Amino acid sequence: MNFLFKVILFPLIIYLATFSNFVALPPLILLVLSTFLIIIGIIAEPIVLPVFGNLISTLMGTFFIIFSLWITPVLTGRGYFKLEAAIVVGVILGIIEFTLHHVFILKDK
């Protein structure tokens, strides 16, 4: 269920950010970036979450998301994602991550 929510919410939140004047990403870049973040999250959760706990691991993930959002247009040379928008979107995705960890992963243990 955690994976399903990520697959829906990550691309949706990043896509909604493109309606602002601070973000412009081509659809393919948006999908690749969302997929990248989901894969990294799924791989890192069983490794990082038990070691650092929900708060610290979510903060680490949030900083990684912010950096990924901001650097992707620089690396691809297509579109832009201003740092302010990356921080807002990253914090929103971080809150979602914290909640998903709490509800679906930590409650099971």
N, C-alpha and C. Protein backbone atom coordinates (compact mmCIF):
# COMPACT_ATOMS: atom_id res chain seq x y z
N MET A 1 0.82 -1.19 0.00
CA MET A 1 0.00 0.00 0.00
C MET A 1 0.86 1.26 0.00
N ASN A 2 1.98 1.21 0.74
CA ASN A 2 2.92 2.32 0.77
C ASN A 2 3.41 2.64 -0.65
N PHE A 3 3.76 1.60 -1.39
CA PHE A 3 4.25 1.76 -2.76
C PHE A 3 3.17 2.39 -3.64
N LEU A 4 1.95 1.93 -3.51
CA LEU A 4 0.85 2.44 -4.32
C LEU A 4 0.62 3.93 -4.07
N PHE A 5 0.64 4.34 -2.81
CA PHE A 5 0.48 5.75 -2.50
C PHE A 5 1.62 6.58 -3.08
N LYS A 6 2.84 6.07 -3.02
CA LYS A 6 3.97 6.79 -3.59
C LYS A 6 3.83 6.93 -5.10
N VAL A 7 3.42 5.86 -5.76
CA VAL A 7 3.27 5.88 -7.22
C VAL A 7 2.23 6.92 -7.65
N ILE A 8 1.23 7.12 -6.83
CA ILE A 8 0.18 8.08 -7.17
C ILE A 8 0.57 9.49 -6.73
N LEU A 9 1.02 9.64 -5.49
CA LEU A 9 1.22 10.97 -4.92
C LEU A 9 2.49 11.68 -5.39
N PHE A 10 3.59 10.98 -5.57
CA PHE A 10 4.83 11.65 -5.97
C PHE A 10 4.68 12.34 -7.33
N PRO A 11 4.26 11.62 -8.38
CA PRO A 11 4.10 12.32 -9.66
C PRO A 11 3.03 13.41 -9.61
N LEU A 12 1.96 13.15 -8.86
CA LEU A 12 0.87 14.13 -8.77
C LEU A 12 1.34 15.43 -8.14
N ILE A 13 2.04 15.36 -7.03
CA ILE A 13 2.52 16.56 -6.34
C ILE A 13 3.52 17.32 -7.21
N ILE A 14 4.43 16.60 -7.83
CA ILE A 14 5.42 17.27 -8.70
C ILE A 14 4.72 17.88 -9.91
N TYR A 15 3.75 17.16 -10.47
CA TYR A 15 2.99 17.71 -11.61
C TYR A 15 2.22 18.96 -11.21
N LEU A 16 1.58 18.94 -10.04
CA LEU A 16 0.83 20.12 -9.59
C LEU A 16 1.75 21.32 -9.40
N ALA A 17 3.00 21.08 -9.05
CA ALA A 17 3.95 22.18 -8.89
C ALA A 17 4.23 22.88 -10.22
N THR A 18 4.05 22.17 -11.33
CA THR A 18 4.32 22.79 -12.63
C THR A 18 3.28 23.85 -13.00
N PHE A 19 2.20 23.93 -12.24
CA PHE A 19 1.22 24.98 -12.49
C PHE A 19 1.65 26.32 -11.91
N SER A 20 2.72 26.34 -11.14
CA SER A 20 3.25 27.59 -10.62
C SER A 20 4.25 28.16 -11.62
N ASN A 21 4.68 29.38 -11.37
CA ASN A 21 5.67 30.01 -12.24
C ASN A 21 7.09 29.62 -11.86
N PHE A 22 7.23 28.78 -10.83
CA PHE A 22 8.55 28.42 -10.33
C PHE A 22 9.05 27.08 -10.87
N VAL A 23 8.19 26.36 -11.57
CA VAL A 23 8.54 25.02 -12.04
C VAL A 23 8.08 24.84 -13.48
N ALA A 24 8.97 24.31 -14.30
CA ALA A 24 8.61 23.89 -15.65
C ALA A 24 9.44 22.65 -15.98
N LEU A 25 8.78 21.52 -16.02
CA LEU A 25 9.45 20.27 -16.36
C LEU A 25 8.70 19.59 -17.50
N PRO A 26 9.43 19.11 -18.50
CA PRO A 26 8.77 18.30 -19.53
C PRO A 26 8.18 17.05 -18.91
N PRO A 27 7.08 16.55 -19.46
CA PRO A 27 6.41 15.38 -18.87
C PRO A 27 7.31 14.16 -18.70
N LEU A 28 8.17 13.91 -19.66
CA LEU A 28 9.06 12.74 -19.55
C LEU A 28 10.02 12.90 -18.39
N ILE A 29 10.59 14.08 -18.23
CA ILE A 29 11.50 14.35 -17.11
C ILE A 29 10.76 14.20 -15.79
N LEU A 30 9.53 14.69 -15.74
CA LEU A 30 8.70 14.59 -14.54
C LEU A 30 8.48 13.13 -14.16
N LEU A 31 8.16 12.30 -15.12
CA LEU A 31 7.92 10.88 -14.85
C LEU A 31 9.20 10.15 -14.44
N VAL A 32 10.31 10.47 -15.10
CA VAL A 32 11.58 9.83 -14.75
C VAL A 32 12.01 10.25 -13.35
N LEU A 33 11.86 11.52 -13.04
CA LEU A 33 12.22 12.03 -11.71
C LEU A 33 11.35 11.38 -10.63
N SER A 34 10.06 11.30 -10.87
CA SER A 34 9.16 10.66 -9.90
C SER A 34 9.51 9.19 -9.71
N THR A 35 9.77 8.50 -10.80
CA THR A 35 10.15 7.09 -10.74
C THR A 35 11.45 6.90 -9.97
N PHE A 36 12.41 7.76 -10.24
CA PHE A 36 13.69 7.73 -9.53
C PHE A 36 13.49 7.89 -8.02
N LEU A 37 12.69 8.88 -7.63
CA LEU A 37 12.45 9.12 -6.20
C LEU A 37 11.72 7.95 -5.55
N ILE A 38 10.78 7.37 -6.26
CA ILE A 38 10.05 6.21 -5.72
C ILE A 38 10.98 5.02 -5.54
N ILE A 39 11.82 4.74 -6.52
CA ILE A 39 12.74 3.60 -6.44
C ILE A 39 13.74 3.79 -5.31
N ILE A 40 14.31 4.99 -5.21
CA ILE A 40 15.26 5.27 -4.13
C ILE A 40 14.56 5.11 -2.78
N GLY A 41 13.34 5.61 -2.67
CA GLY A 41 12.59 5.50 -1.41
C GLY A 41 12.31 4.06 -1.03
N ILE A 42 11.90 3.26 -1.99
CA ILE A 42 11.59 1.86 -1.73
C ILE A 42 12.84 1.08 -1.32
N ILE A 43 13.97 1.39 -1.96
CA ILE A 43 15.22 0.72 -1.63
C ILE A 43 15.73 1.17 -0.26
N ALA A 44 15.63 2.46 0.03
CA ALA A 44 16.21 3.01 1.26
C ALA A 44 15.37 2.72 2.50
N GLU A 45 14.07 2.57 2.36
CA GLU A 45 13.21 2.39 3.54
C GLU A 45 13.61 1.23 4.44
N PRO A 46 13.80 0.03 3.91
CA PRO A 46 14.16 -1.07 4.82
C PRO A 46 15.57 -0.96 5.38
N ILE A 47 16.41 -0.15 4.77
CA ILE A 47 17.79 0.00 5.23
C ILE A 47 17.91 1.14 6.25
N VAL A 48 17.37 2.30 5.91
CA VAL A 48 17.57 3.51 6.70
C VAL A 48 16.55 3.64 7.84
N LEU A 49 15.31 3.29 7.58
CA LEU A 49 14.25 3.49 8.58
C LEU A 49 14.50 2.75 9.90
N PRO A 50 14.90 1.49 9.88
CA PRO A 50 15.14 0.81 11.17
C PRO A 50 16.34 1.38 11.93
N VAL A 51 17.31 1.90 11.21
CA VAL A 51 18.53 2.40 11.86
C VAL A 51 18.30 3.77 12.49
N PHE A 52 17.67 4.69 11.76
CA PHE A 52 17.56 6.07 12.20
C PHE A 52 16.19 6.46 12.74
N GLY A 53 15.20 5.65 12.54
CA GLY A 53 13.85 5.99 12.97
C GLY A 53 13.14 6.85 11.93
N ASN A 54 11.87 7.08 12.18
CA ASN A 54 11.02 7.75 11.19
C ASN A 54 11.43 9.20 10.96
N LEU A 55 11.64 9.96 12.03
CA LEU A 55 11.91 11.39 11.87
C LEU A 55 13.22 11.65 11.13
N ILE A 56 14.30 11.07 11.58
CA ILE A 56 15.61 11.31 10.97
C ILE A 56 15.66 10.78 9.54
N SER A 57 15.14 9.59 9.31
CA SER A 57 15.16 9.04 7.95
C SER A 57 14.29 9.87 7.01
N THR A 58 13.17 10.39 7.52
CA THR A 58 12.32 11.23 6.68
C THR A 58 13.01 12.55 6.38
N LEU A 59 13.70 13.13 7.35
CA LEU A 59 14.44 14.37 7.09
C LEU A 59 15.54 14.15 6.06
N MET A 60 16.25 13.04 6.17
CA MET A 60 17.28 12.73 5.16
C MET A 60 16.64 12.58 3.79
N GLY A 61 15.52 11.88 3.73
CA GLY A 61 14.82 11.71 2.46
C GLY A 61 14.30 13.02 1.91
N THR A 62 13.82 13.89 2.78
CA THR A 62 13.31 15.19 2.34
C THR A 62 14.42 16.03 1.73
N PHE A 63 15.59 16.05 2.36
CA PHE A 63 16.72 16.80 1.79
C PHE A 63 17.15 16.20 0.46
N PHE A 64 17.12 14.89 0.35
CA PHE A 64 17.46 14.24 -0.92
C PHE A 64 16.44 14.60 -2.00
N ILE A 65 15.16 14.62 -1.65
CA ILE A 65 14.11 14.98 -2.60
C ILE A 65 14.29 16.42 -3.06
N ILE A 66 14.53 17.34 -2.13
CA ILE A 66 14.73 18.75 -2.48
C ILE A 66 15.90 18.89 -3.44
N PHE A 67 17.01 18.25 -3.11
CA PHE A 67 18.19 18.32 -3.98
C PHE A 67 17.89 17.73 -5.35
N SER A 68 17.21 16.59 -5.40
CA SER A 68 16.89 15.94 -6.68
C SER A 68 15.98 16.81 -7.54
N LEU A 69 14.98 17.41 -6.91
CA LEU A 69 14.07 18.29 -7.66
C LEU A 69 14.82 19.47 -8.25
N TRP A 70 15.69 20.06 -7.47
CA TRP A 70 16.40 21.26 -7.89
C TRP A 70 17.47 20.96 -8.95
N ILE A 71 18.17 19.83 -8.81
CA ILE A 71 19.30 19.55 -9.69
C ILE A 71 18.90 18.89 -11.01
N THR A 72 17.75 18.23 -11.06
CA THR A 72 17.35 17.51 -12.27
C THR A 72 17.33 18.39 -13.53
N PRO A 73 16.70 19.56 -13.50
CA PRO A 73 16.73 20.40 -14.70
C PRO A 73 18.14 20.86 -15.07
N VAL A 74 19.00 21.04 -14.07
CA VAL A 74 20.39 21.42 -14.35
C VAL A 74 21.10 20.28 -15.07
N LEU A 75 20.89 19.05 -14.61
CA LEU A 75 21.56 17.90 -15.22
C LEU A 75 21.01 17.57 -16.61
N THR A 76 19.71 17.73 -16.79
CA THR A 76 19.10 17.38 -18.08
C THR A 76 19.13 18.53 -19.07
N GLY A 77 19.26 19.76 -18.57
CA GLY A 77 19.25 20.91 -19.46
C GLY A 77 17.86 21.25 -19.99
N ARG A 78 16.83 20.72 -19.35
CA ARG A 78 15.47 20.95 -19.80
C ARG A 78 14.62 21.41 -18.64
N GLY A 79 13.94 22.51 -18.81
CA GLY A 79 13.04 23.03 -17.80
C GLY A 79 13.78 23.71 -16.67
N TYR A 80 13.07 24.00 -15.60
CA TYR A 80 13.66 24.59 -14.41
C TYR A 80 12.81 24.23 -13.20
N PHE A 81 13.47 24.24 -12.04
CA PHE A 81 12.80 23.97 -10.78
C PHE A 81 13.50 24.86 -9.77
N LYS A 82 12.91 26.00 -9.48
CA LYS A 82 13.55 26.96 -8.59
C LYS A 82 13.67 26.38 -7.19
N LEU A 83 14.71 26.81 -6.49
CA LEU A 83 15.01 26.26 -5.17
C LEU A 83 13.85 26.43 -4.20
N GLU A 84 13.16 27.58 -4.26
CA GLU A 84 12.02 27.80 -3.36
C GLU A 84 10.93 26.76 -3.60
N ALA A 85 10.65 26.48 -4.85
CA ALA A 85 9.64 25.48 -5.19
C ALA A 85 10.10 24.09 -4.78
N ALA A 86 11.38 23.81 -4.96
CA ALA A 86 11.92 22.50 -4.57
C ALA A 86 11.77 22.30 -3.06
N ILE A 87 11.99 23.36 -2.29
CA ILE A 87 11.85 23.25 -0.84
C ILE A 87 10.39 22.98 -0.47
N VAL A 88 9.46 23.72 -1.07
CA VAL A 88 8.04 23.53 -0.75
C VAL A 88 7.58 22.13 -1.14
N VAL A 89 7.88 21.71 -2.36
CA VAL A 89 7.47 20.39 -2.83
C VAL A 89 8.16 19.30 -2.02
N GLY A 90 9.44 19.49 -1.72
CA GLY A 90 10.17 18.51 -0.92
C GLY A 90 9.59 18.35 0.47
N VAL A 91 9.20 19.46 1.09
CA VAL A 91 8.60 19.38 2.42
C VAL A 91 7.24 18.67 2.36
N ILE A 92 6.46 18.97 1.33
CA ILE A 92 5.16 18.30 1.17
C ILE A 92 5.37 16.80 0.99
N LEU A 93 6.32 16.42 0.13
CA LEU A 93 6.59 15.00 -0.07
C LEU A 93 7.18 14.36 1.19
N GLY A 94 7.96 15.13 1.95
CA GLY A 94 8.50 14.63 3.21
C GLY A 94 7.40 14.35 4.23
N ILE A 95 6.42 15.24 4.29
CA ILE A 95 5.28 15.02 5.19
C ILE A 95 4.51 13.77 4.77
N ILE A 96 4.33 13.60 3.47
CA ILE A 96 3.67 12.39 2.97
C ILE A 96 4.47 11.15 3.34
N GLU A 97 5.79 11.21 3.15
CA GLU A 97 6.66 10.09 3.50
C GLU A 97 6.57 9.75 4.99
N PHE A 98 6.64 10.76 5.83
CA PHE A 98 6.55 10.54 7.28
C PHE A 98 5.25 9.84 7.63
N THR A 99 4.16 10.29 7.04
CA THR A 99 2.85 9.71 7.31
C THR A 99 2.77 8.27 6.79
N LEU A 100 3.27 8.03 5.58
CA LEU A 100 3.25 6.68 5.02
C LEU A 100 4.09 5.73 5.86
N HIS A 101 5.26 6.19 6.32
CA HIS A 101 6.09 5.34 7.18
C HIS A 101 5.33 4.99 8.45
N HIS A 102 4.71 6.01 9.04
CA HIS A 102 4.02 5.81 10.31
C HIS A 102 2.83 4.87 10.16
N VAL A 103 2.05 5.08 9.12
CA VAL A 103 0.81 4.32 8.96
C VAL A 103 1.06 2.91 8.44
N PHE A 104 1.90 2.77 7.41
CA PHE A 104 2.01 1.48 6.73
C PHE A 104 3.21 0.63 7.15
N ILE A 105 4.28 1.26 7.61
CA ILE A 105 5.48 0.47 7.90
C ILE A 105 5.65 0.27 9.40
N LEU A 106 5.61 1.35 10.16
CA LEU A 106 5.88 1.23 11.60
C LEU A 106 4.72 0.62 12.37
N LYS A 107 3.50 0.76 11.91
CA LYS A 107 2.35 0.18 12.60
C LYS A 107 2.35 -1.34 12.47
N ASP A 108 2.95 -1.85 11.38
CA ASP A 108 2.99 -3.30 11.15
C ASP A 108 3.94 -4.01 12.11
N LYS A 109 4.88 -3.28 12.68
CA LYS A 109 5.92 -3.91 13.52
C LYS A 109 5.56 -3.90 14.97
